[in-house]
Structure formats: structure tokens, C-alpha cells
Amino acid sequence: MTEQMPGELIYEYTIQSTGATSYGVPALDALLSGAADIPPQGARYDLAFQGPIVGQRLRGTVELAAPPASGA
């Protein structure tokens, strides 16, 4: 579902998921499909996305990558 926000449209973007890192919990696809339950302590995932961004004065690619896992 797309919700229209008030104001002038300044850009549009289309993103696709390019990865997910789980931290001691079930894989994200298992959780989303219902094959696994959310653990009582919750779940933590880093998600990565990439896709084009276009506007009247803006053109390019947006990439949001998960930060590297720290050793701490």
C-alpha cells in the first residue's frame, strides 16, 4: 500500500533488499515466512538495500549497507 504524503514530490526511489545479517536469531526469511517464531528476547537484524533515486534535480543510486560486525 502506498500512502500519499502532503507537499511537493522532490524524489522517488525504488529499493531492493540486498542482504540481511542476523545476530543469534532465526534467519529473517524463516521469521517472515512464519517457519520460526520471534524469540522472547527479540530479534536483531542488519538490513542492506540498493536502488535508483530520481528527482527533478536528483539522479543516482542509493545504497544502504549493513555495517561490518564488530568483535565486541
PDB file of N, CA and C in Angstrom:
ATOM      1  N   MET A   1       0.840  -1.167   0.000  1.00  0.00           N
ATOM      2  CA  MET A   1       0.000   0.000   0.000  1.00  0.00           C
ATOM      3  C   MET A   1       0.893   1.241   0.000  1.00  0.00           C
ATOM      4  N   THR A   2       0.607   2.171  -0.843  1.00  0.00           N
ATOM      5  CA  THR A   2       1.345   3.421  -0.924  1.00  0.00           C
ATOM      6  C   THR A   2       0.504   4.535  -0.333  1.00  0.00           C
ATOM      7  N   GLU A   3       1.105   5.294   0.572  1.00  0.00           N
ATOM      8  CA  GLU A   3       0.398   6.405   1.196  1.00  0.00           C
ATOM      9  C   GLU A   3       0.905   7.710   0.601  1.00  0.00           C
ATOM     10  N   GLN A   4       0.008   8.554   0.154  1.00  0.00           N
ATOM     11  CA  GLN A   4       0.368   9.851  -0.411  1.00  0.00           C
ATOM     12  C   GLN A   4       0.600  10.837   0.719  1.00  0.00           C
ATOM     13  N   MET A   5       1.776  11.440   0.739  1.00  0.00           N
ATOM     14  CA  MET A   5       2.099  12.428   1.768  1.00  0.00           C
ATOM     15  C   MET A   5       1.832  13.819   1.220  1.00  0.00           C
ATOM     16  N   PRO A   6       1.464  14.764   2.087  1.00  0.00           N
ATOM     17  CA  PRO A   6       1.219  16.132   1.616  1.00  0.00           C
ATOM     18  C   PRO A   6       2.522  16.802   1.193  1.00  0.00           C
ATOM     19  N   GLY A   7       2.429  17.749   0.277  1.00  0.00           N
ATOM     20  CA  GLY A   7       3.605  18.501  -0.162  1.00  0.00           C
ATOM     21  C   GLY A   7       4.047  18.107  -1.561  1.00  0.00           C
ATOM     22  N   GLU A   8       5.085  18.772  -2.016  1.00  0.00           N
ATOM     23  CA  GLU A   8       5.622  18.551  -3.356  1.00  0.00           C
ATOM     24  C   GLU A   8       6.551  17.347  -3.383  1.00  0.00           C
ATOM     25  N   LEU A   9       6.409  16.500  -4.391  1.00  0.00           N
ATOM     26  CA  LEU A   9       7.279  15.350  -4.576  1.00  0.00           C
ATOM     27  C   LEU A   9       8.651  15.843  -5.036  1.00  0.00           C
ATOM     28  N   ILE A  10       9.692  15.549  -4.284  1.00  0.00           N
ATOM     29  CA  ILE A  10      11.029  16.004  -4.676  1.00  0.00           C
ATOM     30  C   ILE A  10      11.899  14.877  -5.204  1.00  0.00           C
ATOM     31  N   TYR A  11      11.565  13.631  -4.876  1.00  0.00           N
ATOM     32  CA  TYR A  11      12.276  12.496  -5.450  1.00  0.00           C
ATOM     33  C   TYR A  11      11.466  11.226  -5.241  1.00  0.00           C
ATOM     34  N   GLU A  12      11.803  10.214  -6.016  1.00  0.00           N
ATOM     35  CA  GLU A  12      11.225   8.885  -5.877  1.00  0.00           C
ATOM     36  C   GLU A  12      12.378   7.896  -5.859  1.00  0.00           C
ATOM     37  N   TYR A  13      12.207   6.807  -5.124  1.00  0.00           N
ATOM     38  CA  TYR A  13      13.229   5.783  -5.139  1.00  0.00           C
ATOM     39  C   TYR A  13      12.580   4.411  -5.110  1.00  0.00           C
ATOM     40  N   THR A  14      13.290   3.463  -5.666  1.00  0.00           N
ATOM     41  CA  THR A  14      12.871   2.073  -5.677  1.00  0.00           C
ATOM     42  C   THR A  14      14.018   1.266  -5.101  1.00  0.00           C
ATOM     43  N   ILE A  15      13.788   0.610  -3.986  1.00  0.00           N
ATOM     44  CA  ILE A  15      14.872  -0.136  -3.376  1.00  0.00           C
ATOM     45  C   ILE A  15      14.557  -1.625  -3.348  1.00  0.00           C
ATOM     46  N   GLN A  16      15.611  -2.408  -3.358  1.00  0.00           N
ATOM     47  CA  GLN A  16      15.504  -3.851  -3.220  1.00  0.00           C
ATOM     48  C   GLN A  16      16.414  -4.275  -2.084  1.00  0.00           C
ATOM     49  N   SER A  17      15.977  -5.242  -1.344  1.00  0.00           N
ATOM     50  CA  SER A  17      16.805  -5.784  -0.279  1.00  0.00           C
ATOM     51  C   SER A  17      17.964  -6.548  -0.901  1.00  0.00           C
ATOM     52  N   THR A  18      19.178  -6.264  -0.431  1.00  0.00           N
ATOM     53  CA  THR A  18      20.362  -6.952  -0.963  1.00  0.00           C
ATOM     54  C   THR A  18      21.023  -7.827   0.086  1.00  0.00           C
ATOM     55  N   GLY A  19      20.490  -7.851   1.287  1.00  0.00           N
ATOM     56  CA  GLY A  19      21.073  -8.723   2.300  1.00  0.00           C
ATOM     57  C   GLY A  19      20.495  -8.486   3.677  1.00  0.00           C
ATOM     58  N   ALA A  20      20.667  -9.490   4.526  1.00  0.00           N
ATOM     59  CA  ALA A  20      20.240  -9.394   5.922  1.00  0.00           C
ATOM     60  C   ALA A  20      21.206 -10.220   6.759  1.00  0.00           C
ATOM     61  N   THR A  21      21.668  -9.630   7.841  1.00  0.00           N
ATOM     62  CA  THR A  21      22.543 -10.330   8.783  1.00  0.00           C
ATOM     63  C   THR A  21      21.784 -10.492  10.083  1.00  0.00           C
ATOM     64  N   SER A  22      21.703 -11.731  10.553  1.00  0.00           N
ATOM     65  CA  SER A  22      21.013 -11.988  11.816  1.00  0.00           C
ATOM     66  C   SER A  22      22.045 -12.166  12.918  1.00  0.00           C
ATOM     67  N   TYR A  23      21.664 -11.851  14.128  1.00  0.00           N
ATOM     68  CA  TYR A  23      22.561 -11.935  15.273  1.00  0.00           C
ATOM     69  C   TYR A  23      21.977 -12.879  16.312  1.00  0.00           C
ATOM     70  N   GLY A  24      22.291 -14.159  16.169  1.00  0.00           N
ATOM     71  CA  GLY A  24      21.877 -15.152  17.149  1.00  0.00           C
ATOM     72  C   GLY A  24      20.395 -15.469  17.158  1.00  0.00           C
ATOM     73  N   VAL A  25      19.726 -15.170  16.085  1.00  0.00           N
ATOM     74  CA  VAL A  25      18.288 -15.421  15.982  1.00  0.00           C
ATOM     75  C   VAL A  25      18.022 -16.126  14.650  1.00  0.00           C
ATOM     76  N   PRO A  26      16.797 -16.622  14.448  1.00  0.00           N
ATOM     77  CA  PRO A  26      16.495 -17.297  13.182  1.00  0.00           C
ATOM     78  C   PRO A  26      16.733 -16.379  11.978  1.00  0.00           C
ATOM     79  N   ALA A  27      17.016 -16.984  10.840  1.00  0.00           N
ATOM     80  CA  ALA A  27      17.180 -16.225   9.597  1.00  0.00           C
ATOM     81  C   ALA A  27      15.921 -15.410   9.335  1.00  0.00           C
ATOM     82  N   LEU A  28      16.096 -14.221   8.743  1.00  0.00           N
ATOM     83  CA  LEU A  28      14.975 -13.303   8.518  1.00  0.00           C
ATOM     84  C   LEU A  28      13.890 -13.939   7.657  1.00  0.00           C
ATOM     85  N   ASP A  29      14.276 -14.681   6.612  1.00  0.00           N
ATOM     86  CA  ASP A  29      13.255 -15.288   5.750  1.00  0.00           C
ATOM     87  C   ASP A  29      12.426 -16.323   6.511  1.00  0.00           C
ATOM     88  N   ALA A  30      13.030 -17.049   7.448  1.00  0.00           N
ATOM     89  CA  ALA A  30      12.273 -18.019   8.258  1.00  0.00           C
ATOM     90  C   ALA A  30      11.292 -17.291   9.179  1.00  0.00           C
ATOM     91  N   LEU A  31      11.725 -16.170   9.718  1.00  0.00           N
ATOM     92  CA  LEU A  31      10.865 -15.387  10.598  1.00  0.00           C
ATOM     93  C   LEU A  31       9.689 -14.791   9.824  1.00  0.00           C
ATOM     94  N   LEU A  32       9.977 -14.219   8.647  1.00  0.00           N
ATOM     95  CA  LEU A  32       8.923 -13.587   7.852  1.00  0.00           C
ATOM     96  C   LEU A  32       7.938 -14.589   7.263  1.00  0.00           C
ATOM     97  N   SER A  33       8.396 -15.816   6.973  1.00  0.00           N
ATOM     98  CA  SER A  33       7.507 -16.828   6.400  1.00  0.00           C
ATOM     99  C   SER A  33       6.663 -17.528   7.457  1.00  0.00           C
ATOM    100  N   GLY A  34       6.998 -17.315   8.736  1.00  0.00           N
ATOM    101  CA  GLY A  34       6.257 -17.977   9.800  1.00  0.00           C
ATOM    102  C   GLY A  34       6.842 -19.323  10.188  1.00  0.00           C
ATOM    103  N   ALA A  35       7.944 -19.735   9.552  1.00  0.00           N
ATOM    104  CA  ALA A  35       8.576 -21.010   9.876  1.00  0.00           C
ATOM    105  C   ALA A  35       9.275 -20.959  11.232  1.00  0.00           C
ATOM    106  N   ALA A  36       9.593 -19.754  11.711  1.00  0.00           N
ATOM    107  CA  ALA A  36      10.235 -19.582  13.016  1.00  0.00           C
ATOM    108  C   ALA A  36       9.502 -18.479  13.775  1.00  0.00           C
ATOM    109  N   ASP A  37       9.518 -18.592  15.077  1.00  0.00           N
ATOM    110  CA  ASP A  37       8.887 -17.583  15.932  1.00  0.00           C
ATOM    111  C   ASP A  37       9.925 -16.561  16.384  1.00  0.00           C
ATOM    112  N   ILE A  38       9.447 -15.368  16.730  1.00  0.00           N
ATOM    113  CA  ILE A  38      10.324 -14.351  17.295  1.00  0.00           C
ATOM    114  C   ILE A  38      10.724 -14.830  18.686  1.00  0.00           C
ATOM    115  N   PRO A  39      12.024 -14.886  18.978  1.00  0.00           N
ATOM    116  CA  PRO A  39      12.457 -15.328  20.301  1.00  0.00           C
ATOM    117  C   PRO A  39      11.969 -14.371  21.397  1.00  0.00           C
ATOM    118  N   PRO A  40      11.817 -14.855  22.632  1.00  0.00           N
ATOM    119  CA  PRO A  40      11.353 -13.993  23.729  1.00  0.00           C
ATOM    120  C   PRO A  40      12.248 -12.769  23.941  1.00  0.00           C
ATOM    121  N   GLN A  41      13.560 -12.895  23.679  1.00  0.00           N
ATOM    122  CA  GLN A  41      14.474 -11.771  23.864  1.00  0.00           C
ATOM    123  C   GLN A  41      14.454 -10.801  22.687  1.00  0.00           C
ATOM    124  N   GLY A  42      13.648 -11.086  21.657  1.00  0.00           N
ATOM    125  CA  GLY A  42      13.573 -10.227  20.479  1.00  0.00           C
ATOM    126  C   GLY A  42      14.526 -10.710  19.398  1.00  0.00           C
ATOM    127  N   ALA A  43      14.626  -9.937  18.337  1.00  0.00           N
ATOM    128  CA  ALA A  43      15.475 -10.310  17.210  1.00  0.00           C
ATOM    129  C   ALA A  43      16.182  -9.073  16.678  1.00  0.00           C
ATOM    130  N   ARG A  44      17.444  -9.225  16.280  1.00  0.00           N
ATOM    131  CA  ARG A  44      18.200  -8.108  15.724  1.00  0.00           C
ATOM    132  C   ARG A  44      18.732  -8.500  14.361  1.00  0.00           C
ATOM    133  N   TYR A  45      18.499  -7.615  13.390  1.00  0.00           N
ATOM    134  CA  TYR A  45      18.969  -7.827  12.019  1.00  0.00           C
ATOM    135  C   TYR A  45      19.559  -6.527  11.491  1.00  0.00           C
ATOM    136  N   ASP A  46      20.612  -6.629  10.714  1.00  0.00           N
ATOM    137  CA  ASP A  46      21.104  -5.510   9.919  1.00  0.00           C
ATOM    138  C   ASP A  46      20.657  -5.781   8.493  1.00  0.00           C
ATOM    139  N   LEU A  47      20.001  -4.796   7.861  1.00  0.00           N
ATOM    140  CA  LEU A  47      19.472  -4.953   6.513  1.00  0.00           C
ATOM    141  C   LEU A  47      20.253  -4.079   5.543  1.00  0.00           C
ATOM    142  N   ALA A  48      20.397  -4.546   4.316  1.00  0.00           N
ATOM    143  CA  ALA A  48      21.069  -3.781   3.268  1.00  0.00           C
ATOM    144  C   ALA A  48      20.104  -3.600   2.100  1.00  0.00           C
ATOM    145  N   PHE A  49      20.113  -2.391   1.502  1.00  0.00           N
ATOM    146  CA  PHE A  49      19.230  -2.049   0.393  1.00  0.00           C
ATOM    147  C   PHE A  49      20.025  -1.340  -0.688  1.00  0.00           C
ATOM    148  N   GLN A  50      19.506  -1.417  -1.924  1.00  0.00           N
ATOM    149  CA  GLN A  50      20.117  -0.680  -3.027  1.00  0.00           C
ATOM    150  C   GLN A  50      19.043  -0.407  -4.073  1.00  0.00           C
ATOM    151  N   GLY A  51      19.153   0.763  -4.738  1.00  0.00           N
ATOM    152  CA  GLY A  51      18.206   1.066  -5.796  1.00  0.00           C
ATOM    153  C   GLY A  51      18.357   2.477  -6.330  1.00  0.00           C
ATOM    154  N   PRO A  52      17.680   2.758  -7.443  1.00  0.00           N
ATOM    155  CA  PRO A  52      17.782   4.079  -8.071  1.00  0.00           C
ATOM    156  C   PRO A  52      16.952   5.127  -7.334  1.00  0.00           C
ATOM    157  N   ILE A  53      17.432   6.373  -7.388  1.00  0.00           N
ATOM    158  CA  ILE A  53      16.722   7.513  -6.833  1.00  0.00           C
ATOM    159  C   ILE A  53      16.671   8.587  -7.912  1.00  0.00           C
ATOM    160  N   VAL A  54      15.474   9.126  -8.168  1.00  0.00           N
ATOM    161  CA  VAL A  54      15.288  10.075  -9.263  1.00  0.00           C
ATOM    162  C   VAL A  54      14.399  11.219  -8.789  1.00  0.00           C
ATOM    163  N   GLY A  55      14.788  12.437  -9.133  1.00  0.00           N
ATOM    164  CA  GLY A  55      14.001  13.617  -8.831  1.00  0.00           C
ATOM    165  C   GLY A  55      14.269  14.676  -9.881  1.00  0.00           C
ATOM    166  N   GLN A  56      13.614  15.813  -9.747  1.00  0.00           N
ATOM    167  CA  GLN A  56      13.779  16.876 -10.730  1.00  0.00           C
ATOM    168  C   GLN A  56      15.239  17.322 -10.832  1.00  0.00           C
ATOM    169  N   ARG A  57      15.918  17.407  -9.690  1.00  0.00           N
ATOM    170  CA  ARG A  57      17.322  17.811  -9.703  1.00  0.00           C
ATOM    171  C   ARG A  57      18.225  16.761  -9.066  1.00  0.00           C
ATOM    172  N   LEU A  58      17.760  15.522  -9.028  1.00  0.00           N
ATOM    173  CA  LEU A  58      18.490  14.470  -8.340  1.00  0.00           C
ATOM    174  C   LEU A  58      18.391  13.176  -9.116  1.00  0.00           C
ATOM    175  N   ARG A  59      19.520  12.567  -9.412  1.00  0.00           N
ATOM    176  CA  ARG A  59      19.555  11.259 -10.068  1.00  0.00           C
ATOM    177  C   ARG A  59      20.743  10.494  -9.519  1.00  0.00           C
ATOM    178  N   GLY A  60      20.544   9.231  -9.238  1.00  0.00           N
ATOM    179  CA  GLY A  60      21.651   8.433  -8.733  1.00  0.00           C
ATOM    180  C   GLY A  60      21.173   7.119  -8.164  1.00  0.00           C
ATOM    181  N   THR A  61      22.002   6.556  -7.325  1.00  0.00           N
ATOM    182  CA  THR A  61      21.712   5.275  -6.697  1.00  0.00           C
ATOM    183  C   THR A  61      21.879   5.421  -5.197  1.00  0.00           C
ATOM    184  N   VAL A  62      20.965   4.866  -4.464  1.00  0.00           N
ATOM    185  CA  VAL A  62      21.075   4.844  -3.007  1.00  0.00           C
ATOM    186  C   VAL A  62      21.495   3.432  -2.600  1.00  0.00           C
ATOM    187  N   GLU A  63      22.440   3.358  -1.677  1.00  0.00           N
ATOM    188  CA  GLU A  63      22.881   2.065  -1.177  1.00  0.00           C
ATOM    189  C   GLU A  63      23.042   2.175   0.328  1.00  0.00           C
ATOM    190  N   LEU A  64      22.361   1.338   1.037  1.00  0.00           N
ATOM    191  CA  LEU A  64      22.450   1.284   2.477  1.00  0.00           C
ATOM    192  C   LEU A  64      22.921  -0.101   2.830  1.00  0.00           C
ATOM    193  N   ALA A  65      24.172  -0.194   3.215  1.00  0.00           N
ATOM    194  CA  ALA A  65      24.750  -1.485   3.543  1.00  0.00           C
ATOM    195  C   ALA A  65      24.847  -1.640   5.050  1.00  0.00           C
ATOM    196  N   ALA A  66      24.731  -2.854   5.513  1.00  0.00           N
ATOM    197  CA  ALA A  66      24.868  -3.118   6.934  1.00  0.00           C
ATOM    198  C   ALA A  66      26.318  -2.888   7.348  1.00  0.00           C
ATOM    199  N   PRO A  67      26.513  -2.295   8.516  1.00  0.00           N
ATOM    200  CA  PRO A  67      27.882  -2.084   8.971  1.00  0.00           C
ATOM    201  C   PRO A  67      28.556  -3.417   9.265  1.00  0.00           C
ATOM    202  N   PRO A  68      29.877  -3.496   9.152  1.00  0.00           N
ATOM    203  CA  PRO A  68      30.554  -4.746   9.459  1.00  0.00           C
ATOM    204  C   PRO A  68      30.355  -5.100  10.926  1.00  0.00           C
ATOM    205  N   ALA A  69      30.226  -6.372  11.188  1.00  0.00           N
ATOM    206  CA  ALA A  69      30.033  -6.831  12.566  1.00  0.00           C
ATOM    207  C   ALA A  69      31.275  -6.527  13.390  1.00  0.00           C
ATOM    208  N   SER A  70      31.069  -5.996  14.586  1.00  0.00           N
ATOM    209  CA  SER A  70      32.202  -5.669  15.446  1.00  0.00           C
ATOM    210  C   SER A  70      32.569  -6.905  16.266  1.00  0.00           C
ATOM    211  N   GLY A  71      33.792  -6.933  16.707  1.00  0.00           N
ATOM    212  CA  GLY A  71      34.255  -8.058  17.513  1.00  0.00           C
ATOM    213  C   GLY A  71      33.895  -7.913  18.982  1.00  0.00           C
ATOM    214  N   ALA A  72      33.266  -6.809  19.339  1.00  0.00           N
ATOM    215  CA  ALA A  72      32.930  -6.582  20.758  1.00  0.00           C
ATOM    216  C   ALA A  72      31.641  -7.227  21.143  1.00  0.00           C
TER     217      ALA A  72
END
